[in-house]
Amino acid sequence: MNETLVTMTGNVVDQPVRRTTAAGVPFVTFRLASTVRHLDPGTGRYADAGTSFVNVSAFRRLGVNADTSLRRGQPVIVYGRLRVQRWSSGERSGTSVDIDAHAIGHDLNRGVATFQRTSLLEQHQPPTAEQPEVGPDDEAAGEVPAVTPEPAEGCVVTAT
């Protein structure tokens, strides 16, 4: 079976949601928004050319680390398997674009990050400290709070 692997950059739309499968496997889901920008040769300025939204799922260790590390509004890079599915529910129908993530990281073109390695045992413990939520107003004003995780929380990457 051939898989379509993609790399997408964009912003986390909403706070990631952590869940567990019926088999006890942790995973996280979030939406990613990516806006295409191009240089307008007439004005010499960049212009937005539309935004694409995708659903991202990350399982096991990646999901736990993404839940601990990602916040709404942060710029990220997602690499994974692309799935495009048609759906219908009664009279409504549409298309869903999803990425099953293999890797997720903060986009260092737009900020700096700090990395903290974790052990396998720490992956199955819930986070102990509440992370501050970063809103678009905070990010636009350059007032993104620093996140200082406890050592047992997991892989923590913080955009500053």
C-alpha atoms as a PDB file:
ATOM      1  CA  MET A   1       0.000   0.000   0.000  1.00  0.00           C
ATOM      2  CA  ASN A   2       1.347   3.406  -0.938  1.00  0.00           C
ATOM      3  CA  GLU A   3       1.064   6.205   1.568  1.00  0.00           C
ATOM      4  CA  THR A   4       1.051   9.888   0.777  1.00  0.00           C
ATOM      5  CA  LEU A   5       3.398  11.594   3.231  1.00  0.00           C
ATOM      6  CA  VAL A   6       3.180  15.363   3.641  1.00  0.00           C
ATOM      7  CA  THR A   7       4.896  18.117   5.568  1.00  0.00           C
ATOM      8  CA  MET A   8       2.690  21.064   6.487  1.00  0.00           C
ATOM      9  CA  THR A   9       3.451  24.262   8.357  1.00  0.00           C
ATOM     10  CA  GLY A  10       0.846  26.417  10.041  1.00  0.00           C
ATOM     11  CA  ASN A  11      -0.698  27.444  13.347  1.00  0.00           C
ATOM     12  CA  VAL A  12      -2.491  25.321  15.932  1.00  0.00           C
ATOM     13  CA  VAL A  13      -6.117  26.497  15.661  1.00  0.00           C
ATOM     14  CA  ASP A  14      -7.520  25.288  19.001  1.00  0.00           C
ATOM     15  CA  GLN A  15      -6.054  23.851  22.151  1.00  0.00           C
ATOM     16  CA  PRO A  16      -5.074  20.192  21.456  1.00  0.00           C
ATOM     17  CA  VAL A  17      -7.433  17.603  22.948  1.00  0.00           C
ATOM     18  CA  ARG A  18      -6.011  14.482  24.612  1.00  0.00           C
ATOM     19  CA  ARG A  19      -8.007  11.256  24.600  1.00  0.00           C
ATOM     20  CA  THR A  20      -7.468   7.536  25.054  1.00  0.00           C
ATOM     21  CA  THR A  21      -8.588   4.726  22.730  1.00  0.00           C
ATOM     22  CA  ALA A  22     -10.659   1.810  24.025  1.00  0.00           C
ATOM     23  CA  ALA A  23      -7.389  -0.168  24.148  1.00  0.00           C
ATOM     24  CA  GLY A  24      -5.827   2.469  26.423  1.00  0.00           C
ATOM     25  CA  VAL A  25      -3.607   4.113  23.784  1.00  0.00           C
ATOM     26  CA  PRO A  26      -3.221   7.869  24.386  1.00  0.00           C
ATOM     27  CA  PHE A  27      -3.655  10.234  21.456  1.00  0.00           C
ATOM     28  CA  VAL A  28      -4.137  13.921  20.794  1.00  0.00           C
ATOM     29  CA  THR A  29      -6.047  15.758  18.086  1.00  0.00           C
ATOM     30  CA  PHE A  30      -5.874  19.362  16.935  1.00  0.00           C
ATOM     31  CA  ARG A  31      -6.622  21.463  13.871  1.00  0.00           C
ATOM     32  CA  LEU A  32      -3.884  23.111  11.856  1.00  0.00           C
ATOM     33  CA  ALA A  33      -4.397  26.220   9.720  1.00  0.00           C
ATOM     34  CA  SER A  34      -1.965  27.015   6.921  1.00  0.00           C
ATOM     35  CA  THR A  35      -2.218  30.254   4.966  1.00  0.00           C
ATOM     36  CA  VAL A  36      -0.482  30.545   1.609  1.00  0.00           C
ATOM     37  CA  ARG A  37       1.304  33.867   1.081  1.00  0.00           C
ATOM     38  CA  HIS A  38       2.736  35.105  -2.181  1.00  0.00           C
ATOM     39  CA  LEU A  39       4.599  38.195  -3.312  1.00  0.00           C
ATOM     40  CA  ASP A  40       2.447  40.537  -5.377  1.00  0.00           C
ATOM     41  CA  PRO A  41       4.825  41.802  -8.091  1.00  0.00           C
ATOM     42  CA  GLY A  42       2.690  44.920  -8.648  1.00  0.00           C
ATOM     43  CA  THR A  43       2.884  46.187  -5.082  1.00  0.00           C
ATOM     44  CA  GLY A  44       5.997  44.377  -3.863  1.00  0.00           C
ATOM     45  CA  ARG A  45       4.042  43.227  -0.781  1.00  0.00           C
ATOM     46  CA  TYR A  46       2.997  39.793   0.418  1.00  0.00           C
ATOM     47  CA  ALA A  47      -0.689  38.881   0.173  1.00  0.00           C
ATOM     48  CA  ASP A  48      -2.641  36.010   1.696  1.00  0.00           C
ATOM     49  CA  ALA A  49      -4.031  33.569  -0.852  1.00  0.00           C
ATOM     50  CA  GLY A  50      -6.358  31.401   1.248  1.00  0.00           C
ATOM     51  CA  THR A  51      -6.195  29.213   4.332  1.00  0.00           C
ATOM     52  CA  SER A  52      -6.295  25.405   4.440  1.00  0.00           C
ATOM     53  CA  PHE A  53      -7.445  23.586   7.562  1.00  0.00           C
ATOM     54  CA  VAL A  54      -6.494  19.992   8.418  1.00  0.00           C
ATOM     55  CA  ASN A  55      -7.191  17.705  11.364  1.00  0.00           C
ATOM     56  CA  VAL A  56      -4.043  16.283  12.968  1.00  0.00           C
ATOM     57  CA  SER A  57      -3.910  13.105  15.078  1.00  0.00           C
ATOM     58  CA  ALA A  58      -0.851  11.940  17.015  1.00  0.00           C
ATOM     59  CA  PHE A  59      -0.741   8.646  18.907  1.00  0.00           C
ATOM     60  CA  ARG A  60       1.234   7.234  21.828  1.00  0.00           C
ATOM     61  CA  ARG A  61       4.417   9.063  22.832  1.00  0.00           C
ATOM     62  CA  LEU A  62       4.054  11.699  20.094  1.00  0.00           C
ATOM     63  CA  GLY A  63       0.490  12.413  21.217  1.00  0.00           C
ATOM     64  CA  VAL A  64       1.439  12.746  24.891  1.00  0.00           C
ATOM     65  CA  ASN A  65       4.352  15.051  24.036  1.00  0.00           C
ATOM     66  CA  ALA A  66       2.217  17.132  21.648  1.00  0.00           C
ATOM     67  CA  ASP A  67      -0.442  17.541  24.345  1.00  0.00           C
ATOM     68  CA  THR A  68       2.183  18.759  26.804  1.00  0.00           C
ATOM     69  CA  SER A  69       3.994  21.006  24.312  1.00  0.00           C
ATOM     70  CA  LEU A  70       1.481  22.604  21.947  1.00  0.00           C
ATOM     71  CA  ARG A  71      -0.781  25.561  22.604  1.00  0.00           C
ATOM     72  CA  ARG A  72      -3.381  27.356  20.501  1.00  0.00           C
ATOM     73  CA  GLY A  73      -1.838  29.865  18.104  1.00  0.00           C
ATOM     74  CA  GLN A  74       1.677  28.381  18.056  1.00  0.00           C
ATOM     75  CA  PRO A  75       3.440  27.850  14.715  1.00  0.00           C
ATOM     76  CA  VAL A  76       4.212  24.188  14.035  1.00  0.00           C
ATOM     77  CA  ILE A  77       5.497  21.798  11.387  1.00  0.00           C
ATOM     78  CA  VAL A  78       3.648  18.492  11.013  1.00  0.00           C
ATOM     79  CA  TYR A  79       4.914  15.499   9.031  1.00  0.00           C
ATOM     80  CA  GLY A  80       2.722  12.461   8.492  1.00  0.00           C
ATOM     81  CA  ARG A  81       0.349  10.384   6.414  1.00  0.00           C
ATOM     82  CA  LEU A  82      -2.286  12.321   4.471  1.00  0.00           C
ATOM     83  CA  ARG A  83      -5.855  11.009   4.421  1.00  0.00           C
ATOM     84  CA  VAL A  84      -8.596  12.692   2.386  1.00  0.00           C
ATOM     85  CA  GLN A  85     -12.046  11.222   3.048  1.00  0.00           C
ATOM     86  CA  ARG A  86     -15.521  11.995   1.815  1.00  0.00           C
ATOM     87  CA  TRP A  87     -18.251  11.893   4.458  1.00  0.00           C
ATOM     88  CA  SER A  88     -22.015  12.231   4.570  1.00  0.00           C
ATOM     89  CA  SER A  89     -24.479  12.608   7.406  1.00  0.00           C
ATOM     90  CA  GLY A  90     -28.072  12.743   6.279  1.00  0.00           C
ATOM     91  CA  GLU A  91     -28.364  15.563   3.759  1.00  0.00           C
ATOM     92  CA  ARG A  92     -24.953  17.036   4.617  1.00  0.00           C
ATOM     93  CA  SER A  93     -21.722  15.836   3.027  1.00  0.00           C
ATOM     94  CA  GLY A  94     -18.173  17.054   2.703  1.00  0.00           C
ATOM     95  CA  THR A  95     -14.515  16.209   2.590  1.00  0.00           C
ATOM     96  CA  SER A  96     -12.215  15.737   5.559  1.00  0.00           C
ATOM     97  CA  VAL A  97      -8.458  16.297   5.267  1.00  0.00           C
ATOM     98  CA  ASP A  98      -6.466  14.584   8.019  1.00  0.00           C
ATOM     99  CA  ILE A  99      -2.814  13.987   8.852  1.00  0.00           C
ATOM    100  CA  ASP A 100      -1.767  11.036  11.010  1.00  0.00           C
ATOM    101  CA  ALA A 101       1.364  12.641  12.433  1.00  0.00           C
ATOM    102  CA  HIS A 102       4.735  10.898  12.446  1.00  0.00           C
ATOM    103  CA  ALA A 103       6.559  14.017  13.739  1.00  0.00           C
ATOM    104  CA  ILE A 104       5.532  17.430  15.097  1.00  0.00           C
ATOM    105  CA  GLY A 105       7.706  20.391  16.026  1.00  0.00           C
ATOM    106  CA  HIS A 106       7.584  24.119  16.504  1.00  0.00           C
ATOM    107  CA  ASP A 107       8.417  26.219  13.425  1.00  0.00           C
ATOM    108  CA  LEU A 108      11.753  27.809  14.321  1.00  0.00           C
ATOM    109  CA  ASN A 109      11.430  30.318  11.457  1.00  0.00           C
ATOM    110  CA  ARG A 110       8.947  32.100  13.699  1.00  0.00           C
ATOM    111  CA  GLY A 111      10.397  31.711  17.195  1.00  0.00           C
ATOM    112  CA  VAL A 112      12.812  29.871  19.444  1.00  0.00           C
ATOM    113  CA  ALA A 113      12.245  26.676  21.425  1.00  0.00           C
ATOM    114  CA  THR A 114      13.676  24.654  24.290  1.00  0.00           C
ATOM    115  CA  PHE A 115      13.779  20.860  24.181  1.00  0.00           C
ATOM    116  CA  GLN A 116      13.525  18.497  27.126  1.00  0.00           C
ATOM    117  CA  ARG A 117      14.093  14.749  26.664  1.00  0.00           C
ATOM    118  CA  THR A 118      11.732  12.319  28.409  1.00  0.00           C
ATOM    119  CA  SER A 119      11.885   8.669  29.410  1.00  0.00           C
ATOM    120  CA  LEU A 120       9.368   6.024  28.348  1.00  0.00           C
ATOM    121  CA  LEU A 121       8.003   5.740  31.892  1.00  0.00           C
ATOM    122  CA  GLU A 122       7.141   9.433  32.005  1.00  0.00           C
ATOM    123  CA  GLN A 123       5.026   9.153  28.849  1.00  0.00           C
ATOM    124  CA  HIS A 124       2.111   7.470  30.603  1.00  0.00           C
ATOM    125  CA  GLN A 125       1.813   9.952  33.461  1.00  0.00           C
ATOM    126  CA  PRO A 126      -0.589  12.878  33.034  1.00  0.00           C
ATOM    127  CA  PRO A 127       0.941  16.364  33.146  1.00  0.00           C
ATOM    128  CA  THR A 128       1.171  17.725  36.676  1.00  0.00           C
ATOM    129  CA  ALA A 129       1.310  21.466  35.995  1.00  0.00           C
ATOM    130  CA  GLU A 130      -1.190  23.532  34.051  1.00  0.00           C
ATOM    131  CA  GLN A 131       0.438  25.202  31.033  1.00  0.00           C
ATOM    132  CA  PRO A 132      -0.553  28.817  30.315  1.00  0.00           C
ATOM    133  CA  GLU A 133      -2.685  29.276  27.221  1.00  0.00           C
ATOM    134  CA  VAL A 134      -1.316  31.634  24.596  1.00  0.00           C
ATOM    135  CA  GLY A 135      -3.922  33.656  22.776  1.00  0.00           C
ATOM    136  CA  PRO A 136      -3.515  35.426  19.448  1.00  0.00           C
ATOM    137  CA  ASP A 137      -3.497  38.806  21.234  1.00  0.00           C
ATOM    138  CA  ASP A 138      -0.590  37.700  23.447  1.00  0.00           C
ATOM    139  CA  GLU A 139       1.382  36.416  20.449  1.00  0.00           C
ATOM    140  CA  ALA A 140       0.736  39.543  18.363  1.00  0.00           C
ATOM    141  CA  ALA A 141       1.909  41.758  21.223  1.00  0.00           C
ATOM    142  CA  GLY A 142       5.044  39.678  21.657  1.00  0.00           C
ATOM    143  CA  GLU A 143       3.906  38.678  25.151  1.00  0.00           C
ATOM    144  CA  VAL A 144       4.121  34.909  24.860  1.00  0.00           C
ATOM    145  CA  PRO A 145       4.598  33.508  28.370  1.00  0.00           C
ATOM    146  CA  ALA A 146       7.518  31.190  29.001  1.00  0.00           C
ATOM    147  CA  VAL A 147       6.575  27.652  29.978  1.00  0.00           C
ATOM    148  CA  THR A 148       8.608  25.978  32.681  1.00  0.00           C
ATOM    149  CA  PRO A 149       7.527  22.326  32.935  1.00  0.00           C
ATOM    150  CA  GLU A 150       8.130  19.920  35.756  1.00  0.00           C
ATOM    151  CA  PRO A 151      10.804  17.306  34.906  1.00  0.00           C
ATOM    152  CA  ALA A 152       8.279  14.435  34.731  1.00  0.00           C
ATOM    153  CA  GLU A 153       5.891  16.133  32.309  1.00  0.00           C
ATOM    154  CA  GLY A 154       7.244  14.940  28.988  1.00  0.00           C
ATOM    155  CA  CYS A 155       8.822  16.468  25.949  1.00  0.00           C
ATOM    156  CA  VAL A 156       8.303  20.175  26.292  1.00  0.00           C
ATOM    157  CA  VAL A 157       8.968  22.640  23.500  1.00  0.00           C
ATOM    158  CA  THR A 158       8.089  26.242  24.174  1.00  0.00           C
ATOM    159  CA  ALA A 159       7.956  29.038  21.614  1.00  0.00           C
ATOM    160  CA  THR A 160       9.211  32.302  23.068  1.00  0.00           C
END
